[in-house]
Amino acid sequence: MKSSVISRFSLFFAILFLFLLIVIRMFTVHQDPYAWQLGVDLPVVYSPVIKLDDDAFIVSGSQTHVGEENTIQYTLLEKGYFGFYHPVETVTVKGDQSYFVHKFTNMTPRSDVRIKIENFSRCLCRGKIMFKDITADKK
């Protein structure tokens, strides 16, 4: 009888501890809007909304603690009708990268876009992304 009460008590505190870790992580990950952190408990994160004037823009960034064989997938999501986002283009970056650059093209001008960052290998990894609108170079 006592062992079942103790096991229930310890199970309750284990679940409470995991819940608190997840809640704390959710509030501490997004301090910098362009920095991201992925792990087992948070395999997908979205960038802030980017307003574009042209049909292309450049994403540059870095990713660490990924490992040599693991990949991070960056998917460009464009806001469509009724406010839903749909995928436009995807790029996969493998391993730790101190700096990478990719040019996303074929988007609707004057649209709202986001970057969906996915971790399929379930590693605890970090990174940062920066955006550059191509029209800024034309002006």
C-alpha atoms as a PDB file:
ATOM      1  CA  MET A   1       0.000   0.000   0.000  1.00  0.00           C
ATOM      2  CA  LYS A   2       2.764   2.443   0.939  1.00  0.00           C
ATOM      3  CA  SER A   3       4.812   1.612  -2.160  1.00  0.00           C
ATOM      4  CA  SER A   4       1.877   2.385  -4.496  1.00  0.00           C
ATOM      5  CA  VAL A   5       1.324   5.740  -2.777  1.00  0.00           C
ATOM      6  CA  ILE A   6       5.023   6.558  -3.049  1.00  0.00           C
ATOM      7  CA  SER A   7       5.144   5.541  -6.717  1.00  0.00           C
ATOM      8  CA  ARG A   8       2.082   7.676  -7.514  1.00  0.00           C
ATOM      9  CA  PHE A   9       3.609  10.551  -5.574  1.00  0.00           C
ATOM     10  CA  SER A  10       6.914  10.287  -7.461  1.00  0.00           C
ATOM     11  CA  LEU A  11       5.117   9.934 -10.822  1.00  0.00           C
ATOM     12  CA  PHE A  12       3.113  13.078 -10.089  1.00  0.00           C
ATOM     13  CA  PHE A  13       6.247  15.086  -9.314  1.00  0.00           C
ATOM     14  CA  ALA A  14       8.065  13.710 -12.350  1.00  0.00           C
ATOM     15  CA  ILE A  15       5.222  14.831 -14.621  1.00  0.00           C
ATOM     16  CA  LEU A  16       5.036  18.194 -12.854  1.00  0.00           C
ATOM     17  CA  PHE A  17       8.792  18.655 -13.279  1.00  0.00           C
ATOM     18  CA  LEU A  18       8.643  17.891 -17.031  1.00  0.00           C
ATOM     19  CA  PHE A  19       5.703  20.257 -17.472  1.00  0.00           C
ATOM     20  CA  LEU A  20       7.596  23.056 -15.712  1.00  0.00           C
ATOM     21  CA  LEU A  21      10.660  22.463 -17.893  1.00  0.00           C
ATOM     22  CA  ILE A  22       8.574  22.738 -21.048  1.00  0.00           C
ATOM     23  CA  VAL A  23       6.827  25.922 -19.870  1.00  0.00           C
ATOM     24  CA  ILE A  24      10.098  27.567 -18.838  1.00  0.00           C
ATOM     25  CA  ARG A  25      11.668  26.637 -22.165  1.00  0.00           C
ATOM     26  CA  MET A  26       8.750  28.085 -24.129  1.00  0.00           C
ATOM     27  CA  PHE A  27       9.193  31.475 -22.467  1.00  0.00           C
ATOM     28  CA  THR A  28      12.987  31.622 -22.627  1.00  0.00           C
ATOM     29  CA  VAL A  29      13.552  30.466 -26.223  1.00  0.00           C
ATOM     30  CA  HIS A  30      12.046  33.493 -27.951  1.00  0.00           C
ATOM     31  CA  GLN A  31      13.888  36.354 -26.266  1.00  0.00           C
ATOM     32  CA  ASP A  32      15.634  37.276 -29.535  1.00  0.00           C
ATOM     33  CA  PRO A  33      13.095  37.028 -32.404  1.00  0.00           C
ATOM     34  CA  TYR A  34      15.776  35.910 -34.858  1.00  0.00           C
ATOM     35  CA  ALA A  35      17.445  33.339 -32.599  1.00  0.00           C
ATOM     36  CA  TRP A  36      16.002  29.850 -32.415  1.00  0.00           C
ATOM     37  CA  GLN A  37      16.511  26.731 -30.339  1.00  0.00           C
ATOM     38  CA  LEU A  38      15.156  23.304 -31.177  1.00  0.00           C
ATOM     39  CA  GLY A  39      15.074  20.057 -29.245  1.00  0.00           C
ATOM     40  CA  VAL A  40      13.013  16.985 -28.535  1.00  0.00           C
ATOM     41  CA  ASP A  41      10.293  18.963 -26.766  1.00  0.00           C
ATOM     42  CA  LEU A  42      10.244  21.764 -29.388  1.00  0.00           C
ATOM     43  CA  PRO A  43      11.054  20.355 -32.869  1.00  0.00           C
ATOM     44  CA  VAL A  44       9.509  23.254 -34.867  1.00  0.00           C
ATOM     45  CA  VAL A  45       9.783  27.023 -34.469  1.00  0.00           C
ATOM     46  CA  TYR A  46       8.533  29.889 -36.678  1.00  0.00           C
ATOM     47  CA  SER A  47      10.223  33.186 -37.464  1.00  0.00           C
ATOM     48  CA  PRO A  48       8.462  36.516 -37.005  1.00  0.00           C
ATOM     49  CA  VAL A  49       6.310  37.699 -39.921  1.00  0.00           C
ATOM     50  CA  ILE A  50       8.354  39.367 -42.674  1.00  0.00           C
ATOM     51  CA  LYS A  51       6.683  41.878 -44.988  1.00  0.00           C
ATOM     52  CA  LEU A  52       8.169  41.802 -48.482  1.00  0.00           C
ATOM     53  CA  ASP A  53       8.030  44.263 -51.341  1.00  0.00           C
ATOM     54  CA  ASP A  54       9.617  41.998 -53.954  1.00  0.00           C
ATOM     55  CA  ASP A  55       9.224  38.405 -55.128  1.00  0.00           C
ATOM     56  CA  ALA A  56      12.538  37.279 -53.581  1.00  0.00           C
ATOM     57  CA  PHE A  57      14.643  37.755 -50.474  1.00  0.00           C
ATOM     58  CA  ILE A  58      17.821  36.401 -48.924  1.00  0.00           C
ATOM     59  CA  VAL A  59      18.051  34.443 -45.673  1.00  0.00           C
ATOM     60  CA  SER A  60      21.390  34.113 -43.933  1.00  0.00           C
ATOM     61  CA  GLY A  61      22.128  32.502 -40.633  1.00  0.00           C
ATOM     62  CA  SER A  62      24.025  30.026 -38.539  1.00  0.00           C
ATOM     63  CA  GLN A  63      23.283  26.785 -36.733  1.00  0.00           C
ATOM     64  CA  THR A  64      25.246  25.027 -33.987  1.00  0.00           C
ATOM     65  CA  HIS A  65      25.124  21.762 -32.015  1.00  0.00           C
ATOM     66  CA  VAL A  66      23.457  20.015 -34.978  1.00  0.00           C
ATOM     67  CA  GLY A  67      26.089  17.341 -35.598  1.00  0.00           C
ATOM     68  CA  GLU A  68      27.696  16.213 -38.834  1.00  0.00           C
ATOM     69  CA  GLU A  69      24.896  13.953 -40.090  1.00  0.00           C
ATOM     70  CA  ASN A  70      21.850  15.874 -38.803  1.00  0.00           C
ATOM     71  CA  THR A  71      19.912  18.457 -40.790  1.00  0.00           C
ATOM     72  CA  ILE A  72      17.731  21.482 -40.139  1.00  0.00           C
ATOM     73  CA  GLN A  73      15.008  22.276 -42.672  1.00  0.00           C
ATOM     74  CA  TYR A  74      14.013  25.868 -43.444  1.00  0.00           C
ATOM     75  CA  THR A  75      10.633  26.208 -45.189  1.00  0.00           C
ATOM     76  CA  LEU A  76       9.354  29.477 -46.596  1.00  0.00           C
ATOM     77  CA  LEU A  77       5.667  29.933 -45.763  1.00  0.00           C
ATOM     78  CA  GLU A  78       3.633  32.545 -47.638  1.00  0.00           C
ATOM     79  CA  LYS A  79       0.378  33.966 -46.316  1.00  0.00           C
ATOM     80  CA  GLY A  80      -2.467  33.028 -48.603  1.00  0.00           C
ATOM     81  CA  TYR A  81      -6.201  33.483 -48.611  1.00  0.00           C
ATOM     82  CA  PHE A  82      -8.050  33.539 -45.292  1.00  0.00           C
ATOM     83  CA  GLY A  83      -4.762  34.061 -43.423  1.00  0.00           C
ATOM     84  CA  PHE A  84      -3.428  30.520 -43.835  1.00  0.00           C
ATOM     85  CA  TYR A  85       0.263  29.991 -44.581  1.00  0.00           C
ATOM     86  CA  HIS A  86       1.304  27.592 -47.338  1.00  0.00           C
ATOM     87  CA  PRO A  87       4.817  26.303 -48.163  1.00  0.00           C
ATOM     88  CA  VAL A  88       6.595  27.872 -51.119  1.00  0.00           C
ATOM     89  CA  GLU A  89      10.177  26.632 -50.987  1.00  0.00           C
ATOM     90  CA  THR A  90      12.311  24.463 -48.698  1.00  0.00           C
ATOM     91  CA  VAL A  91      16.044  24.344 -48.086  1.00  0.00           C
ATOM     92  CA  THR A  92      17.878  21.789 -45.944  1.00  0.00           C
ATOM     93  CA  VAL A  93      21.125  22.729 -44.183  1.00  0.00           C
ATOM     94  CA  LYS A  94      23.287  19.861 -42.948  1.00  0.00           C
ATOM     95  CA  GLY A  95      25.594  19.930 -39.929  1.00  0.00           C
ATOM     96  CA  ASP A  96      27.002  22.814 -37.949  1.00  0.00           C
ATOM     97  CA  GLN A  97      27.256  25.938 -40.087  1.00  0.00           C
ATOM     98  CA  SER A  98      28.861  29.156 -38.880  1.00  0.00           C
ATOM     99  CA  TYR A  99      27.288  30.984 -41.849  1.00  0.00           C
ATOM    100  CA  PHE A 100      24.932  29.991 -44.665  1.00  0.00           C
ATOM    101  CA  VAL A 101      23.002  31.980 -47.287  1.00  0.00           C
ATOM    102  CA  HIS A 102      19.967  31.041 -49.354  1.00  0.00           C
ATOM    103  CA  LYS A 103      17.889  33.106 -51.785  1.00  0.00           C
ATOM    104  CA  PHE A 104      14.159  32.372 -51.722  1.00  0.00           C
ATOM    105  CA  THR A 105      12.401  33.252 -54.998  1.00  0.00           C
ATOM    106  CA  ASN A 106       9.016  32.938 -56.746  1.00  0.00           C
ATOM    107  CA  MET A 107       6.895  34.598 -54.088  1.00  0.00           C
ATOM    108  CA  THR A 108       3.974  36.945 -54.475  1.00  0.00           C
ATOM    109  CA  PRO A 109       5.172  40.570 -54.212  1.00  0.00           C
ATOM    110  CA  ARG A 110       3.923  42.503 -51.175  1.00  0.00           C
ATOM    111  CA  SER A 111       3.199  39.362 -49.206  1.00  0.00           C
ATOM    112  CA  ASP A 112       3.700  38.307 -45.609  1.00  0.00           C
ATOM    113  CA  VAL A 113       6.067  35.370 -45.166  1.00  0.00           C
ATOM    114  CA  ARG A 114       7.500  33.326 -42.308  1.00  0.00           C
ATOM    115  CA  ILE A 115      10.274  30.779 -42.037  1.00  0.00           C
ATOM    116  CA  LYS A 116       9.416  27.419 -40.483  1.00  0.00           C
ATOM    117  CA  ILE A 117      12.503  25.836 -38.910  1.00  0.00           C
ATOM    118  CA  GLU A 118      12.263  22.066 -38.364  1.00  0.00           C
ATOM    119  CA  ASN A 119      14.498  19.626 -36.549  1.00  0.00           C
ATOM    120  CA  PHE A 120      13.979  16.069 -37.816  1.00  0.00           C
ATOM    121  CA  SER A 121      16.950  14.571 -35.966  1.00  0.00           C
ATOM    122  CA  ARG A 122      15.751  15.664 -32.521  1.00  0.00           C
ATOM    123  CA  CYS A 123      19.048  17.215 -31.505  1.00  0.00           C
ATOM    124  CA  LEU A 124      19.314  20.128 -29.081  1.00  0.00           C
ATOM    125  CA  CYS A 125      20.515  22.786 -31.506  1.00  0.00           C
ATOM    126  CA  ARG A 126      20.596  26.562 -31.735  1.00  0.00           C
ATOM    127  CA  GLY A 127      20.852  29.099 -34.489  1.00  0.00           C
ATOM    128  CA  LYS A 128      20.058  32.541 -35.775  1.00  0.00           C
ATOM    129  CA  ILE A 129      18.530  33.769 -39.023  1.00  0.00           C
ATOM    130  CA  MET A 130      18.609  37.189 -40.669  1.00  0.00           C
ATOM    131  CA  PHE A 131      16.550  38.467 -43.589  1.00  0.00           C
ATOM    132  CA  LYS A 132      17.428  40.828 -46.397  1.00  0.00           C
ATOM    133  CA  ASP A 133      14.857  42.131 -48.872  1.00  0.00           C
ATOM    134  CA  ILE A 134      16.291  42.268 -52.377  1.00  0.00           C
ATOM    135  CA  THR A 135      14.504  45.540 -53.149  1.00  0.00           C
ATOM    136  CA  ALA A 136      16.745  47.264 -50.588  1.00  0.00           C
ATOM    137  CA  ASP A 137      19.671  46.722 -53.004  1.00  0.00           C
ATOM    138  CA  LYS A 138      17.750  48.167 -55.953  1.00  0.00           C
ATOM    139  CA  LYS A 139      16.983  51.496 -54.252  1.00  0.00           C
END
